[in-house]
Amino acid sequence: MSRYPIPLPSQSVAHEFTERLQPLVNRIIADIHESRTLAHLRDTLLPKLISGQLRVKDAEAFLKERGL
């Protein structure tokens, strides 16, 4: 493989590509963080809701107490 040439874009093309791609990458990262947060909330609340330890109207206060 090392004997095959690899085309490289000019610096201006690489810069433009990065400028256009960066917002998409940032959104993907934000979505990953949001997904993890939502999964954590689900894993925290669902067992308590199912068992009856927590009522839906009390869930917001429960989350605030735990800094979520």
PDB file of N, CA and C in Angstrom:
ATOM      1  N   MET A   1       0.814  -1.191   0.000  1.00  0.00           N
ATOM      2  CA  MET A   1       0.000   0.000   0.000  1.00  0.00           C
ATOM      3  C   MET A   1       0.862   1.263   0.000  1.00  0.00           C
ATOM      4  N   SER A   2       2.030   1.175   0.593  1.00  0.00           N
ATOM      5  CA  SER A   2       2.855   2.381   0.710  1.00  0.00           C
ATOM      6  C   SER A   2       3.352   2.887  -0.640  1.00  0.00           C
ATOM      7  N   ARG A   3       3.305   2.079  -1.651  1.00  0.00           N
ATOM      8  CA  ARG A   3       3.792   2.538  -2.957  1.00  0.00           C
ATOM      9  C   ARG A   3       2.728   3.287  -3.758  1.00  0.00           C
ATOM     10  N   TYR A   4       1.497   3.275  -3.293  1.00  0.00           N
ATOM     11  CA  TYR A   4       0.438   3.978  -4.000  1.00  0.00           C
ATOM     12  C   TYR A   4       0.394   5.441  -3.571  1.00  0.00           C
ATOM     13  N   PRO A   5       0.288   6.324  -4.533  1.00  0.00           N
ATOM     14  CA  PRO A   5       0.222   7.750  -4.183  1.00  0.00           C
ATOM     15  C   PRO A   5      -1.126   8.090  -3.539  1.00  0.00           C
ATOM     16  N   ILE A   6      -1.088   8.982  -2.617  1.00  0.00           N
ATOM     17  CA  ILE A   6      -2.294   9.441  -1.948  1.00  0.00           C
ATOM     18  C   ILE A   6      -2.503  10.904  -2.301  1.00  0.00           C
ATOM     19  N   PRO A   7      -3.613  11.212  -2.949  1.00  0.00           N
ATOM     20  CA  PRO A   7      -3.850  12.612  -3.296  1.00  0.00           C
ATOM     21  C   PRO A   7      -4.175  13.427  -2.036  1.00  0.00           C
ATOM     22  N   LEU A   8      -3.560  14.559  -1.916  1.00  0.00           N
ATOM     23  CA  LEU A   8      -3.816  15.462  -0.800  1.00  0.00           C
ATOM     24  C   LEU A   8      -4.399  16.761  -1.341  1.00  0.00           C
ATOM     25  N   PRO A   9      -5.429  17.274  -0.690  1.00  0.00           N
ATOM     26  CA  PRO A   9      -6.019  18.523  -1.164  1.00  0.00           C
ATOM     27  C   PRO A   9      -5.101  19.701  -0.843  1.00  0.00           C
ATOM     28  N   SER A  10      -5.315  20.776  -1.539  1.00  0.00           N
ATOM     29  CA  SER A  10      -4.554  21.980  -1.230  1.00  0.00           C
ATOM     30  C   SER A  10      -4.965  22.463   0.159  1.00  0.00           C
ATOM     31  N   GLN A  11      -4.160  23.330   0.732  1.00  0.00           N
ATOM     32  CA  GLN A  11      -4.455  23.827   2.072  1.00  0.00           C
ATOM     33  C   GLN A  11      -5.790  24.576   2.103  1.00  0.00           C
ATOM     34  N   SER A  12      -6.090  25.316   1.073  1.00  0.00           N
ATOM     35  CA  SER A  12      -7.350  26.063   1.046  1.00  0.00           C
ATOM     36  C   SER A  12      -8.549  25.125   0.963  1.00  0.00           C
ATOM     37  N   VAL A  13      -8.443  24.062   0.192  1.00  0.00           N
ATOM     38  CA  VAL A  13      -9.533  23.087   0.089  1.00  0.00           C
ATOM     39  C   VAL A  13      -9.704  22.347   1.423  1.00  0.00           C
ATOM     40  N   ALA A  14      -8.605  21.966   2.036  1.00  0.00           N
ATOM     41  CA  ALA A  14      -8.670  21.294   3.334  1.00  0.00           C
ATOM     42  C   ALA A  14      -9.293  22.203   4.386  1.00  0.00           C
ATOM     43  N   HIS A  15      -8.929  23.475   4.358  1.00  0.00           N
ATOM     44  CA  HIS A  15      -9.488  24.435   5.311  1.00  0.00           C
ATOM     45  C   HIS A  15     -10.992  24.597   5.093  1.00  0.00           C
ATOM     46  N   GLU A  16     -11.409  24.738   3.856  1.00  0.00           N
ATOM     47  CA  GLU A  16     -12.830  24.886   3.538  1.00  0.00           C
ATOM     48  C   GLU A  16     -13.612  23.642   3.958  1.00  0.00           C
ATOM     49  N   PHE A  17     -13.048  22.479   3.704  1.00  0.00           N
ATOM     50  CA  PHE A  17     -13.686  21.226   4.111  1.00  0.00           C
ATOM     51  C   PHE A  17     -13.880  21.196   5.625  1.00  0.00           C
ATOM     52  N   THR A  18     -12.844  21.575   6.358  1.00  0.00           N
ATOM     53  CA  THR A  18     -12.913  21.602   7.820  1.00  0.00           C
ATOM     54  C   THR A  18     -13.960  22.598   8.294  1.00  0.00           C
ATOM     55  N   GLU A  19     -14.004  23.758   7.688  1.00  0.00           N
ATOM     56  CA  GLU A  19     -14.977  24.783   8.062  1.00  0.00           C
ATOM     57  C   GLU A  19     -16.412  24.294   7.860  1.00  0.00           C
ATOM     58  N   ARG A  20     -16.637  23.554   6.806  1.00  0.00           N
ATOM     59  CA  ARG A  20     -17.984  23.060   6.523  1.00  0.00           C
ATOM     60  C   ARG A  20     -18.346  21.847   7.382  1.00  0.00           C
ATOM     61  N   LEU A  21     -17.366  21.050   7.706  1.00  0.00           N
ATOM     62  CA  LEU A  21     -17.618  19.825   8.451  1.00  0.00           C
ATOM     63  C   LEU A  21     -17.712  20.055   9.961  1.00  0.00           C
ATOM     64  N   GLN A  22     -17.007  21.043  10.480  1.00  0.00           N
ATOM     65  CA  GLN A  22     -16.938  21.255  11.923  1.00  0.00           C
ATOM     66  C   GLN A  22     -18.301  21.429  12.594  1.00  0.00           C
ATOM     67  N   PRO A  23     -19.235  22.196  12.032  1.00  0.00           N
ATOM     68  CA  PRO A  23     -20.557  22.293  12.672  1.00  0.00           C
ATOM     69  C   PRO A  23     -21.270  20.935  12.774  1.00  0.00           C
ATOM     70  N   LEU A  24     -21.087  20.086  11.778  1.00  0.00           N
ATOM     71  CA  LEU A  24     -21.696  18.759  11.824  1.00  0.00           C
ATOM     72  C   LEU A  24     -21.068  17.908  12.921  1.00  0.00           C
ATOM     73  N   VAL A  25     -19.754  17.976  13.036  1.00  0.00           N
ATOM     74  CA  VAL A  25     -19.045  17.226  14.075  1.00  0.00           C
ATOM     75  C   VAL A  25     -19.475  17.727  15.457  1.00  0.00           C
ATOM     76  N   ASN A  26     -19.576  19.042  15.609  1.00  0.00           N
ATOM     77  CA  ASN A  26     -20.016  19.607  16.890  1.00  0.00           C
ATOM     78  C   ASN A  26     -21.420  19.137  17.243  1.00  0.00           C
ATOM     79  N   ARG A  27     -22.301  19.065  16.258  1.00  0.00           N
ATOM     80  CA  ARG A  27     -23.672  18.609  16.501  1.00  0.00           C
ATOM     81  C   ARG A  27     -23.686  17.134  16.902  1.00  0.00           C
ATOM     82  N   ILE A  28     -22.873  16.339  16.259  1.00  0.00           N
ATOM     83  CA  ILE A  28     -22.789  14.912  16.601  1.00  0.00           C
ATOM     84  C   ILE A  28     -22.333  14.752  18.047  1.00  0.00           C
ATOM     85  N   ILE A  29     -21.325  15.501  18.439  1.00  0.00           N
ATOM     86  CA  ILE A  29     -20.816  15.432  19.810  1.00  0.00           C
ATOM     87  C   ILE A  29     -21.888  15.868  20.802  1.00  0.00           C
ATOM     88  N   ALA A  30     -22.592  16.952  20.496  1.00  0.00           N
ATOM     89  CA  ALA A  30     -23.668  17.419  21.376  1.00  0.00           C
ATOM     90  C   ALA A  30     -24.770  16.373  21.484  1.00  0.00           C
ATOM     91  N   ASP A  31     -25.110  15.731  20.377  1.00  0.00           N
ATOM     92  CA  ASP A  31     -26.152  14.699  20.391  1.00  0.00           C
ATOM     93  C   ASP A  31     -25.726  13.488  21.230  1.00  0.00           C
ATOM     94  N   ILE A  32     -24.456  13.133  21.175  1.00  0.00           N
ATOM     95  CA  ILE A  32     -23.946  12.030  21.989  1.00  0.00           C
ATOM     96  C   ILE A  32     -24.085  12.362  23.466  1.00  0.00           C
ATOM     97  N   HIS A  33     -23.716  13.581  23.845  1.00  0.00           N
ATOM     98  CA  HIS A  33     -23.835  13.997  25.242  1.00  0.00           C
ATOM     99  C   HIS A  33     -25.298  14.011  25.686  1.00  0.00           C
ATOM    100  N   GLU A  34     -26.167  14.510  24.828  1.00  0.00           N
ATOM    101  CA  GLU A  34     -27.596  14.543  25.162  1.00  0.00           C
ATOM    102  C   GLU A  34     -28.148  13.132  25.329  1.00  0.00           C
ATOM    103  N   SER A  35     -27.742  12.243  24.455  1.00  0.00           N
ATOM    104  CA  SER A  35     -28.199  10.860  24.533  1.00  0.00           C
ATOM    105  C   SER A  35     -27.756  10.207  25.841  1.00  0.00           C
ATOM    106  N   ARG A  36     -26.517  10.462  26.237  1.00  0.00           N
ATOM    107  CA  ARG A  36     -26.017   9.907  27.505  1.00  0.00           C
ATOM    108  C   ARG A  36     -26.769  10.484  28.695  1.00  0.00           C
ATOM    109  N   THR A  37     -27.064  11.783  28.650  1.00  0.00           N
ATOM    110  CA  THR A  37     -27.811  12.416  29.727  1.00  0.00           C
ATOM    111  C   THR A  37     -29.210  11.828  29.828  1.00  0.00           C
ATOM    112  N   LEU A  38     -29.870  11.673  28.695  1.00  0.00           N
ATOM    113  CA  LEU A  38     -31.220  11.112  28.691  1.00  0.00           C
ATOM    114  C   LEU A  38     -31.219   9.657  29.166  1.00  0.00           C
ATOM    115  N   ALA A  39     -30.226   8.890  28.773  1.00  0.00           N
ATOM    116  CA  ALA A  39     -30.130   7.501  29.233  1.00  0.00           C
ATOM    117  C   ALA A  39     -29.932   7.453  30.745  1.00  0.00           C
ATOM    118  N   HIS A  40     -29.118   8.367  31.267  1.00  0.00           N
ATOM    119  CA  HIS A  40     -28.894   8.423  32.710  1.00  0.00           C
ATOM    120  C   HIS A  40     -30.187   8.781  33.442  1.00  0.00           C
ATOM    121  N   LEU A  41     -30.923   9.755  32.913  1.00  0.00           N
ATOM    122  CA  LEU A  41     -32.205  10.118  33.511  1.00  0.00           C
ATOM    123  C   LEU A  41     -33.179   8.943  33.485  1.00  0.00           C
ATOM    124  N   ARG A  42     -33.229   8.264  32.366  1.00  0.00           N
ATOM    125  CA  ARG A  42     -34.106   7.096  32.246  1.00  0.00           C
ATOM    126  C   ARG A  42     -33.729   6.028  33.268  1.00  0.00           C
ATOM    127  N   ASP A  43     -32.433   5.738  33.356  1.00  0.00           N
ATOM    128  CA  ASP A  43     -31.981   4.699  34.268  1.00  0.00           C
ATOM    129  C   ASP A  43     -32.190   5.082  35.726  1.00  0.00           C
ATOM    130  N   THR A  44     -32.195   6.388  36.015  1.00  0.00           N
ATOM    131  CA  THR A  44     -32.420   6.863  37.378  1.00  0.00           C
ATOM    132  C   THR A  44     -33.902   6.844  37.728  1.00  0.00           C
ATOM    133  N   LEU A  45     -34.734   7.320  36.821  1.00  0.00           N
ATOM    134  CA  LEU A  45     -36.150   7.500  37.126  1.00  0.00           C
ATOM    135  C   LEU A  45     -37.013   6.256  36.918  1.00  0.00           C
ATOM    136  N   LEU A  46     -36.762   5.524  35.874  1.00  0.00           N
ATOM    137  CA  LEU A  46     -37.676   4.440  35.514  1.00  0.00           C
ATOM    138  C   LEU A  46     -37.879   3.411  36.620  1.00  0.00           C
ATOM    139  N   PRO A  47     -36.841   2.909  37.254  1.00  0.00           N
ATOM    140  CA  PRO A  47     -37.089   1.928  38.323  1.00  0.00           C
ATOM    141  C   PRO A  47     -37.940   2.490  39.468  1.00  0.00           C
ATOM    142  N   LYS A  48     -37.711   3.748  39.804  1.00  0.00           N
ATOM    143  CA  LYS A  48     -38.478   4.363  40.889  1.00  0.00           C
ATOM    144  C   LYS A  48     -39.929   4.605  40.477  1.00  0.00           C
ATOM    145  N   LEU A  49     -40.145   4.961  39.233  1.00  0.00           N
ATOM    146  CA  LEU A  49     -41.511   5.162  38.752  1.00  0.00           C
ATOM    147  C   LEU A  49     -42.268   3.838  38.689  1.00  0.00           C
ATOM    148  N   ILE A  50     -41.619   2.812  38.190  1.00  0.00           N
ATOM    149  CA  ILE A  50     -42.267   1.508  38.069  1.00  0.00           C
ATOM    150  C   ILE A  50     -42.600   0.935  39.442  1.00  0.00           C
ATOM    151  N   SER A  51     -41.690   1.100  40.397  1.00  0.00           N
ATOM    152  CA  SER A  51     -41.911   0.536  41.733  1.00  0.00           C
ATOM    153  C   SER A  51     -42.912   1.358  42.552  1.00  0.00           C
ATOM    154  N   GLY A  52     -43.214   2.565  42.100  1.00  0.00           N
ATOM    155  CA  GLY A  52     -44.125   3.416  42.838  1.00  0.00           C
ATOM    156  C   GLY A  52     -43.446   4.272  43.891  1.00  0.00           C
ATOM    157  N   GLN A  53     -42.109   4.176  43.994  1.00  0.00           N
ATOM    158  CA  GLN A  53     -41.368   4.996  44.948  1.00  0.00           C
ATOM    159  C   GLN A  53     -41.442   6.474  44.588  1.00  0.00           C
ATOM    160  N   LEU A  54     -41.674   6.754  43.324  1.00  0.00           N
ATOM    161  CA  LEU A  54     -41.682   8.123  42.836  1.00  0.00           C
ATOM    162  C   LEU A  54     -42.893   8.310  41.935  1.00  0.00           C
ATOM    163  N   ARG A  55     -43.596   9.405  42.141  1.00  0.00           N
ATOM    164  CA  ARG A  55     -44.727   9.735  41.294  1.00  0.00           C
ATOM    165  C   ARG A  55     -44.251  10.750  40.252  1.00  0.00           C
ATOM    166  N   VAL A  56     -44.929  10.792  39.136  1.00  0.00           N
ATOM    167  CA  VAL A  56     -44.522  11.675  38.043  1.00  0.00           C
ATOM    168  C   VAL A  56     -44.457  13.125  38.509  1.00  0.00           C
ATOM    169  N   LYS A  57     -45.413  13.555  39.309  1.00  0.00           N
ATOM    170  CA  LYS A  57     -45.401  14.945  39.746  1.00  0.00           C
ATOM    171  C   LYS A  57     -44.230  15.249  40.683  1.00  0.00           C
ATOM    172  N   ASP A  58     -43.634  14.238  41.298  1.00  0.00           N
ATOM    173  CA  ASP A  58     -42.494  14.429  42.196  1.00  0.00           C
ATOM    174  C   ASP A  58     -41.154  14.257  41.481  1.00  0.00           C
ATOM    175  N   ALA A  59     -41.166  13.831  40.243  1.00  0.00           N
ATOM    176  CA  ALA A  59     -39.938  13.506  39.526  1.00  0.00           C
ATOM    177  C   ALA A  59     -39.032  14.728  39.351  1.00  0.00           C
ATOM    178  N   GLU A  60     -39.600  15.882  39.060  1.00  0.00           N
ATOM    179  CA  GLU A  60     -38.790  17.082  38.853  1.00  0.00           C
ATOM    180  C   GLU A  60     -38.030  17.455  40.124  1.00  0.00           C
ATOM    181  N   ALA A  61     -38.686  17.415  41.252  1.00  0.00           N
ATOM    182  CA  ALA A  61     -38.017  17.720  42.528  1.00  0.00           C
ATOM    183  C   ALA A  61     -36.933  16.682  42.804  1.00  0.00           C
ATOM    184  N   PHE A  62     -37.216  15.431  42.511  1.00  0.00           N
ATOM    185  CA  PHE A  62     -36.243  14.350  42.691  1.00  0.00           C
ATOM    186  C   PHE A  62     -34.970  14.631  41.898  1.00  0.00           C
ATOM    187  N   LEU A  63     -35.132  15.064  40.654  1.00  0.00           N
ATOM    188  CA  LEU A  63     -33.983  15.348  39.796  1.00  0.00           C
ATOM    189  C   LEU A  63     -33.203  16.558  40.305  1.00  0.00           C
ATOM    190  N   LYS A  64     -33.902  17.583  40.745  1.00  0.00           N
ATOM    191  CA  LYS A  64     -33.222  18.778  41.253  1.00  0.00           C
ATOM    192  C   LYS A  64     -32.391  18.457  42.490  1.00  0.00           C
ATOM    193  N   GLU A  65     -32.910  17.602  43.357  1.00  0.00           N
ATOM    194  CA  GLU A  65     -32.169  17.207  44.566  1.00  0.00           C
ATOM    195  C   GLU A  65     -30.849  16.531  44.221  1.00  0.00           C
ATOM    196  N   ARG A  66     -30.826  15.844  43.097  1.00  0.00           N
ATOM    197  CA  ARG A  66     -29.634  15.100  42.698  1.00  0.00           C
ATOM    198  C   ARG A  66     -28.787  15.851  41.670  1.00  0.00           C
ATOM    199  N   GLY A  67     -29.168  17.072  41.372  1.00  0.00           N
ATOM    200  CA  GLY A  67     -28.393  17.889  40.441  1.00  0.00           C
ATOM    201  C   GLY A  67     -28.505  17.444  38.998  1.00  0.00           C
ATOM    202  N   LEU A  68     -29.604  16.817  38.658  1.00  0.00           N
ATOM    203  CA  LEU A  68     -29.788  16.347  37.276  1.00  0.00           C
ATOM    204  C   LEU A  68     -30.751  17.224  36.527  1.00  0.00           C
TER     205      LEU A  68
END
